[in-house]
Amino acid sequence: MKPSSRKSQKPIAISLGVSENSPWDLEMAELGFSVREYDGSITNSPYPTHPNITFHKKFIASHNSDSTITLESVLRDNRLVSTQENILQVDIENAEWDMLKNIDMKVLAQYFTQVIFEFHGCNPEEEQGFHHRITQLQRLNDFFTPIHLHFNNHGKIFYSKGLFFSTTLEVSYCNHKIMRSLKTNEKREKGVLQDLDYPSWISNPEIPIRFAQKQSRKL
């Protein structure tokens, strides 16, 4: 979603979790977004000279310190405007669950048209962890609609009853308010999207996705 030319202030793309190669950040900056990067594991942004990118050497956590910052503080410090088409990207290596637990979802819905997550630790065999994670996903679904799913193909993979599943999920969401204005019910229940999906680990094949499975007839 490109920023609207009608608005004088740049929309903001918050990027939580940065590596030495973060092409999403660069692409958003090239589109005209003001990109605010947060990551405590690296020293500088991979794009230190880009005028639309600002880097903060801090981890996202449940408290503020010299090396950590809460999502609530990130939103406050960056003075997001609710009328802008702001986007949140989160890839913080399993810390996303506590981050979601400690944020008011209404606040996310107020300031972001889209949110993008890499969800870690989605192992259906871990019953206690599953309930914690599904609770946060249900809270997120109250305000955002998942519009795209991609399995990360570098990690633990499950296969059961003709379906594949990964413990690491890349999910894009759109704000309910935006979805209502689009008035579309278009849906694709399986497959890999050409020119959009790309393997996380290039030497491994993509993991096939299927949301619906026909039930076999009982004889």
Protein backbone atom coordinates (compact mmCIF):
# COMPACT_ATOMS: atom_id res chain seq x y z
CA MET A 1 0.00 0.00 0.00
CA LYS A 2 1.71 3.19 -1.17
CA PRO A 3 1.48 6.38 0.91
CA SER A 4 -1.16 8.83 -0.24
CA SER A 5 0.13 11.96 -1.96
CA ARG A 6 -2.70 13.96 -0.39
CA LYS A 7 -1.02 13.91 3.01
CA SER A 8 1.94 16.09 3.82
CA GLN A 9 3.46 13.98 6.60
CA LYS A 10 5.11 10.72 5.64
CA PRO A 11 3.48 7.55 6.90
CA ILE A 12 5.69 5.53 9.23
CA ALA A 13 6.87 1.95 8.85
CA ILE A 14 7.95 0.53 12.20
CA SER A 15 10.40 -2.36 11.72
CA LEU A 16 11.02 -4.46 14.83
CA GLY A 17 13.83 -6.91 14.20
CA VAL A 18 16.53 -5.96 11.72
CA SER A 19 19.38 -7.95 10.21
CA GLU A 20 22.38 -7.14 8.05
CA ASN A 21 20.06 -7.52 5.07
CA SER A 22 16.52 -6.18 5.56
CA PRO A 23 15.08 -5.61 2.08
CA TRP A 24 11.58 -4.86 3.40
CA ASP A 25 12.92 -1.82 5.24
CA LEU A 26 14.69 -0.56 2.14
CA GLU A 27 11.67 -1.10 -0.08
CA MET A 28 9.38 0.79 2.29
CA ALA A 29 11.89 3.65 2.49
CA GLU A 30 12.06 3.78 -1.31
CA LEU A 31 8.25 3.98 -1.42
CA GLY A 32 8.42 7.13 0.71
CA PHE A 33 7.70 5.76 4.17
CA SER A 34 9.69 6.99 7.15
CA VAL A 35 11.20 3.73 8.41
CA ARG A 36 12.03 3.39 12.12
CA GLU A 37 14.19 0.32 12.82
CA TYR A 38 14.66 -1.33 16.24
CA ASP A 39 17.13 -4.12 16.99
CA GLY A 40 19.66 -4.59 19.77
CA SER A 41 21.65 -7.36 18.08
CA ILE A 42 23.34 -5.18 15.45
CA THR A 43 25.24 -1.91 15.70
CA ASN A 44 23.81 0.04 12.78
CA SER A 45 21.14 -0.09 10.13
CA PRO A 46 22.05 -2.08 7.02
CA TYR A 47 21.18 1.15 5.16
CA PRO A 48 22.84 3.83 7.32
CA THR A 49 22.86 6.56 4.67
CA HIS A 50 19.24 6.30 3.54
CA PRO A 51 17.42 9.55 4.42
CA ASN A 52 14.15 7.75 5.20
CA ILE A 53 15.60 5.22 7.66
CA THR A 54 16.31 5.80 11.36
CA PHE A 55 17.91 3.05 13.47
CA HIS A 56 17.58 2.44 17.22
CA LYS A 57 19.83 -0.13 18.89
CA LYS A 58 17.23 -1.58 21.24
CA PHE A 59 15.42 -4.87 21.71
CA ILE A 60 11.63 -4.98 22.05
CA ALA A 61 10.73 -6.15 25.56
CA SER A 62 8.14 -5.82 28.32
CA HIS A 63 10.09 -3.04 30.06
CA ASN A 64 12.23 -0.04 29.17
CA SER A 65 15.96 0.02 29.88
CA ASP A 66 19.20 1.13 28.24
CA SER A 67 18.98 -1.81 25.84
CA THR A 68 15.22 -2.50 25.64
CA ILE A 69 12.03 -0.66 24.80
CA THR A 70 8.34 -1.56 24.90
CA LEU A 71 6.11 -1.37 21.85
CA GLU A 72 3.98 1.17 23.69
CA SER A 73 7.04 3.41 24.05
CA VAL A 74 7.93 2.91 20.38
CA LEU A 75 4.49 4.17 19.37
CA ARG A 76 4.68 7.12 21.72
CA ASP A 77 8.23 8.13 20.78
CA ASN A 78 7.48 8.09 17.05
CA ARG A 79 4.32 10.17 17.39
CA LEU A 80 2.27 8.16 14.96
CA VAL A 81 -0.71 9.87 13.35
CA SER A 82 -3.84 7.73 13.21
CA THR A 83 -4.89 9.12 9.81
CA GLN A 84 -1.69 7.93 8.16
CA GLU A 85 -1.23 4.56 6.43
CA ASN A 86 1.35 3.30 8.94
CA ILE A 87 2.68 -0.26 8.82
CA LEU A 88 4.22 -2.45 11.53
CA GLN A 89 6.69 -5.25 10.74
CA VAL A 90 7.70 -7.67 13.53
CA ASP A 91 10.40 -10.35 13.41
CA ILE A 92 11.80 -10.56 16.94
CA GLU A 93 12.56 -14.26 17.41
CA ASN A 94 9.74 -15.45 19.69
CA ALA A 95 9.51 -12.21 21.71
CA GLU A 96 6.43 -11.23 19.68
CA TRP A 97 4.11 -13.21 21.96
CA ASP A 98 4.91 -11.29 25.15
CA MET A 99 4.90 -8.06 23.14
CA LEU A 100 1.35 -8.78 21.97
CA LYS A 101 0.30 -9.81 25.47
CA ASN A 102 1.38 -6.42 26.82
CA ILE A 103 -0.18 -4.17 24.18
CA ASP A 104 -3.74 -2.94 23.80
CA MET A 105 -4.88 -4.22 20.39
CA LYS A 106 -7.12 -1.19 20.02
CA VAL A 107 -3.97 0.94 19.96
CA LEU A 108 -2.48 -1.15 17.15
CA ALA A 109 -5.72 -0.82 15.20
CA GLN A 110 -5.78 2.92 15.79
CA TYR A 111 -2.34 3.56 14.30
CA PHE A 112 -1.68 0.79 11.73
CA THR A 113 -3.45 -0.11 8.50
CA GLN A 114 -1.29 -3.22 8.15
CA VAL A 115 0.76 -5.38 10.53
CA ILE A 116 3.21 -8.06 9.40
CA PHE A 117 4.54 -10.79 11.69
CA GLU A 118 6.96 -13.65 11.60
CA PHE A 119 5.50 -15.87 14.30
CA HIS A 120 7.96 -18.24 15.97
CA GLY A 121 7.50 -21.34 18.10
CA CYS A 122 4.18 -22.38 16.54
CA ASN A 123 4.62 -26.00 17.51
CA PRO A 124 1.23 -27.74 17.94
CA GLU A 125 2.92 -30.40 20.09
CA GLU A 126 3.62 -27.85 22.86
CA GLU A 127 0.21 -27.64 24.51
CA GLN A 128 0.98 -24.90 27.05
CA GLY A 129 2.75 -22.71 24.53
CA PHE A 130 0.01 -23.31 22.00
CA HIS A 131 -2.69 -21.91 24.28
CA HIS A 132 -0.59 -18.82 25.03
CA ARG A 133 -0.01 -18.16 21.35
CA ILE A 134 -3.53 -18.87 20.16
CA THR A 135 -4.85 -16.40 22.75
CA GLN A 136 -2.72 -13.61 21.29
CA LEU A 137 -3.71 -14.54 17.73
CA GLN A 138 -7.37 -14.39 18.69
CA ARG A 139 -6.86 -10.94 20.21
CA LEU A 140 -5.13 -9.81 17.02
CA ASN A 141 -7.95 -11.21 14.88
CA ASP A 142 -10.44 -9.00 16.71
CA PHE A 143 -9.00 -5.98 14.88
CA PHE A 144 -7.03 -7.31 11.88
CA THR A 145 -7.76 -9.73 9.05
CA PRO A 146 -5.01 -12.12 7.89
CA ILE A 147 -4.53 -11.54 4.16
CA HIS A 148 -1.44 -13.58 3.39
CA LEU A 149 0.41 -16.58 4.86
CA HIS A 150 3.82 -17.96 3.96
CA PHE A 151 5.56 -20.87 5.68
CA ASN A 152 9.18 -20.28 6.64
CA ASN A 153 11.01 -23.27 5.15
CA HIS A 154 14.03 -23.07 7.45
CA GLY A 155 13.19 -24.89 10.67
CA LYS A 156 10.88 -27.58 11.99
CA ILE A 157 8.37 -28.87 9.44
CA PHE A 158 5.36 -31.12 10.12
CA TYR A 159 3.46 -33.37 7.73
CA SER A 160 0.16 -34.95 8.70
CA LYS A 161 -2.88 -36.19 6.78
CA GLY A 162 -1.70 -34.74 3.50
CA LEU A 163 -0.93 -31.28 4.91
CA PHE A 164 2.33 -29.51 5.69
CA PHE A 165 2.94 -27.10 8.57
CA SER A 166 5.88 -25.03 9.75
CA THR A 167 6.61 -23.81 13.27
CA THR A 168 7.52 -20.40 11.83
CA LEU A 169 4.74 -18.51 10.06
CA GLU A 170 4.95 -15.27 8.08
CA VAL A 171 1.54 -13.58 8.23
CA SER A 172 0.33 -10.25 6.84
CA TYR A 173 -2.75 -8.58 8.32
CA CYS A 174 -4.97 -5.72 7.20
CA ASN A 175 -6.98 -3.51 9.53
CA HIS A 176 -10.67 -4.49 9.68
CA LYS A 177 -11.62 -0.92 8.75
CA ILE A 178 -9.64 -1.16 5.51
CA MET A 179 -11.07 -4.59 4.69
CA ARG A 180 -14.63 -3.32 5.10
CA SER A 181 -13.94 -0.47 2.68
CA LEU A 182 -12.49 -2.88 0.09
CA LYS A 183 -15.69 -4.96 0.03
CA THR A 184 -14.03 -8.05 -1.37
CA ASN A 185 -14.35 -11.72 -0.53
CA GLU A 186 -11.66 -12.97 -2.88
CA LYS A 187 -9.85 -15.94 -1.39
CA ARG A 188 -7.15 -18.36 -2.46
CA GLU A 189 -6.93 -21.47 -0.32
CA LYS A 190 -3.72 -23.08 -1.52
CA GLY A 191 -0.52 -22.64 -3.47
CA VAL A 192 2.44 -20.27 -3.67
CA LEU A 193 1.93 -16.75 -5.00
CA GLN A 194 4.24 -15.99 -7.89
CA ASP A 195 6.35 -12.82 -7.49
CA LEU A 196 5.23 -12.49 -3.87
CA ASP A 197 6.29 -15.64 -2.01
CA TYR A 198 9.98 -16.45 -1.80
CA PRO A 199 11.75 -19.24 0.11
CA SER A 200 13.25 -18.12 3.41
CA TRP A 201 16.07 -20.61 2.87
CA ILE A 202 16.77 -20.62 -0.84
CA SER A 203 18.27 -24.15 -0.98
CA ASN A 204 15.08 -25.68 0.49
CA PRO A 205 11.83 -26.08 -1.47
CA GLU A 206 8.81 -23.98 -0.62
CA ILE A 207 6.33 -25.61 1.78
CA PRO A 208 2.94 -26.07 0.08
CA ILE A 209 -0.03 -24.36 1.70
CA ARG A 210 -3.59 -25.65 1.76
CA PHE A 211 -6.29 -24.17 3.97
CA ALA A 212 -9.10 -26.51 2.96
CA GLN A 213 -9.14 -30.24 2.57
CA LYS A 214 -11.99 -32.24 1.10
CA GLN A 215 -13.42 -34.77 3.49
CA SER A 216 -13.51 -38.33 2.19
CA ARG A 217 -16.92 -39.91 1.99
CA LYS A 218 -17.81 -42.47 4.59
CA LEU A 219 -18.73 -45.82 3.11
